C-alpha atoms as a PDB file:
ATOM      1  CA  MET A   1       2.220  24.079-105.272  1.00  0.00           C
ATOM      2  CA  ALA A   2      -0.593  23.695-102.669  1.00  0.00           C
ATOM      3  CA  ASP A   3      -1.060  25.668 -99.454  1.00  0.00           C
ATOM      4  CA  TYR A   4      -1.545  23.289 -96.506  1.00  0.00           C
ATOM      5  CA  SER A   5      -1.198  25.903 -93.765  1.00  0.00           C
ATOM      6  CA  HIS A   6      -4.982  25.977 -93.241  1.00  0.00           C
ATOM      7  CA  GLN A   7      -5.082  22.194 -92.642  1.00  0.00           C
ATOM      8  CA  ILE A   8      -2.112  22.392 -90.301  1.00  0.00           C
ATOM      9  CA  ASP A   9      -3.861  25.136 -88.309  1.00  0.00           C
ATOM     10  CA  GLU A  10      -7.024  23.018 -88.088  1.00  0.00           C
ATOM     11  CA  ARG A  11      -5.029  20.018 -86.856  1.00  0.00           C
ATOM     12  CA  ARG A  12      -3.305  22.142 -84.218  1.00  0.00           C
ATOM     13  CA  GLU A  13      -6.652  23.520 -83.086  1.00  0.00           C
ATOM     14  CA  LEU A  14      -8.107  20.009 -82.915  1.00  0.00           C
ATOM     15  CA  MET A  15      -5.116  18.796 -80.885  1.00  0.00           C
ATOM     16  CA  ALA A  16      -5.547  21.720 -78.471  1.00  0.00           C
ATOM     17  CA  ILE A  17      -9.237  20.870 -78.045  1.00  0.00           C
ATOM     18  CA  LYS A  18      -8.386  17.205 -77.409  1.00  0.00           C
ATOM     19  CA  ASP A  19      -5.726  18.145 -74.855  1.00  0.00           C
ATOM     20  CA  GLU A  20      -8.128  20.499 -73.068  1.00  0.00           C
ATOM     21  CA  THR A  21     -10.847  17.831 -73.050  1.00  0.00           C
ATOM     22  CA  ILE A  22      -8.483  15.253 -71.566  1.00  0.00           C
ATOM     23  CA  LYS A  23      -7.424  17.753 -68.912  1.00  0.00           C
ATOM     24  CA  ASN A  24     -11.072  18.490 -68.025  1.00  0.00           C
ATOM     25  CA  VAL A  25     -11.958  14.789 -67.834  1.00  0.00           C
ATOM     26  CA  ASN A  26      -9.023  14.163 -65.480  1.00  0.00           C
ATOM     27  CA  GLU A  27     -10.131  17.051 -63.249  1.00  0.00           C
ATOM     28  CA  VAL A  28     -13.701  15.736 -63.111  1.00  0.00           C
ATOM     29  CA  VAL A  29     -12.517  12.228 -62.192  1.00  0.00           C
ATOM     30  CA  ASP A  30     -10.185  13.639 -59.525  1.00  0.00           C
ATOM     31  CA  ASN A  31     -13.024  15.696 -58.035  1.00  0.00           C
ATOM     32  CA  GLN A  32     -15.329  12.674 -58.039  1.00  0.00           C
ATOM     33  CA  MET A  33     -12.696  10.609 -56.235  1.00  0.00           C
ATOM     34  CA  LYS A  34     -12.334  13.304 -53.571  1.00  0.00           C
ATOM     35  CA  VAL A  35     -16.095  13.404 -53.037  1.00  0.00           C
ATOM     36  CA  VAL A  36     -16.293   9.603 -52.837  1.00  0.00           C
ATOM     37  CA  GLN A  37     -13.523   9.568 -50.228  1.00  0.00           C
ATOM     38  CA  GLU A  38     -15.308  12.236 -48.188  1.00  0.00           C
ATOM     39  CA  ILE A  39     -18.596  10.322 -48.350  1.00  0.00           C
ATOM     40  CA  ALA A  40     -16.867   7.087 -47.344  1.00  0.00           C
ATOM     41  CA  GLY A  41     -15.242   8.852 -44.396  1.00  0.00           C
ATOM     42  CA  LEU A  42     -18.560  10.286 -43.234  1.00  0.00           C
ATOM     43  CA  LEU A  43     -20.267   6.922 -43.582  1.00  0.00           C
ATOM     44  CA  GLY A  44     -17.478   5.305 -41.593  1.00  0.00           C
ATOM     45  CA  GLU A  45     -17.829   7.866 -38.814  1.00  0.00           C
ATOM     46  CA  THR A  46     -21.591   7.544 -38.571  1.00  0.00           C
ATOM     47  CA  THR A  47     -21.363   3.748 -38.735  1.00  0.00           C
ATOM     48  CA  ALA A  48     -18.918   3.764 -35.834  1.00  0.00           C
ATOM     49  CA  GLN A  49     -21.194   6.074 -33.839  1.00  0.00           C
ATOM     50  CA  THR A  50     -24.163   3.815 -34.560  1.00  0.00           C
ATOM     51  CA  LYS A  51     -22.194   0.762 -33.452  1.00  0.00           C
ATOM     52  CA  VAL A  52     -21.235   2.418 -30.163  1.00  0.00           C
ATOM     53  CA  SER A  53     -24.854   3.372 -29.499  1.00  0.00           C
ATOM     54  CA  LEU A  54     -26.123  -0.097 -30.340  1.00  0.00           C
ATOM     55  CA  LEU A  55     -23.517  -1.728 -28.111  1.00  0.00           C
ATOM     56  CA  LYS A  56     -24.622   0.504 -25.233  1.00  0.00           C
ATOM     57  CA  ILE A  57     -28.236  -0.524 -25.813  1.00  0.00           C
ATOM     58  CA  VAL A  58     -27.264  -4.216 -25.928  1.00  0.00           C
ATOM     59  CA  GLN A  59     -25.287  -3.880 -22.677  1.00  0.00           C
ATOM     60  CA  MET A  60     -28.199  -2.131 -21.024  1.00  0.00           C
ATOM     61  CA  LEU A  61     -30.629  -4.840 -22.137  1.00  0.00           C
ATOM     62  CA  GLN A  62     -28.252  -7.574 -20.989  1.00  0.00           C
ATOM     63  CA  HIS A  63     -27.890  -5.882 -17.593  1.00  0.00           C
ATOM     64  CA  GLU A  64     -31.679  -5.630 -17.273  1.00  0.00           C
ATOM     65  CA  ALA A  65     -32.048  -9.302 -18.248  1.00  0.00           C
ATOM     66  CA  VAL A  66     -29.518 -10.378 -15.609  1.00  0.00           C
ATOM     67  CA  ASN A  67     -31.257  -8.254 -12.971  1.00  0.00           C
ATOM     68  CA  ALA A  68     -34.635  -9.685 -13.911  1.00  0.00           C
ATOM     69  CA  VAL A  69     -33.340 -13.241 -13.504  1.00  0.00           C
ATOM     70  CA  THR A  70     -31.641 -12.602 -10.154  1.00  0.00           C
ATOM     71  CA  VAL A  71     -34.731 -11.040  -8.530  1.00  0.00           C
ATOM     72  CA  ILE A  72     -36.760 -13.625  -6.621  1.00  0.00           C
ATOM     73  CA  PRO A  73     -40.485 -13.377  -7.317  1.00  0.00           C
ATOM     74  CA  GLY A  74     -42.234 -11.495  -4.548  1.00  0.00           C
ATOM     75  CA  GLU A  75     -38.986  -9.830  -3.474  1.00  0.00           C
ATOM     76  CA  SER A  76     -38.042  -6.378  -4.651  1.00  0.00           C
ATOM     77  CA  LYS A  77     -34.502  -5.441  -5.604  1.00  0.00           C
ATOM     78  CA  GLU A  78     -34.289  -3.069  -2.620  1.00  0.00           C
ATOM     79  CA  GLU A  79     -35.092  -5.862  -0.159  1.00  0.00           C
ATOM     80  CA  LYS A  80     -32.396  -8.070  -1.625  1.00  0.00           C
ATOM     81  CA  THR A  81     -29.502  -5.639  -1.093  1.00  0.00           C
END
């Protein structure tokens, strides 16, 4: 009769190590997903802020271009109003 209790213990230990490894991998992936979502949110916020600033600049330049076209050469804007 052979004693297999040692092999059974080794298999149980190996299964526990595999289970722990799978658990750790899942935690790492979950943490990475959280970080990616945070980064995406921050990028979205800063992109929106940049867009607002650029639109303000474009509006300002358009307003200046319209004013430059409506001013008659030799006449200042103050004289016109």
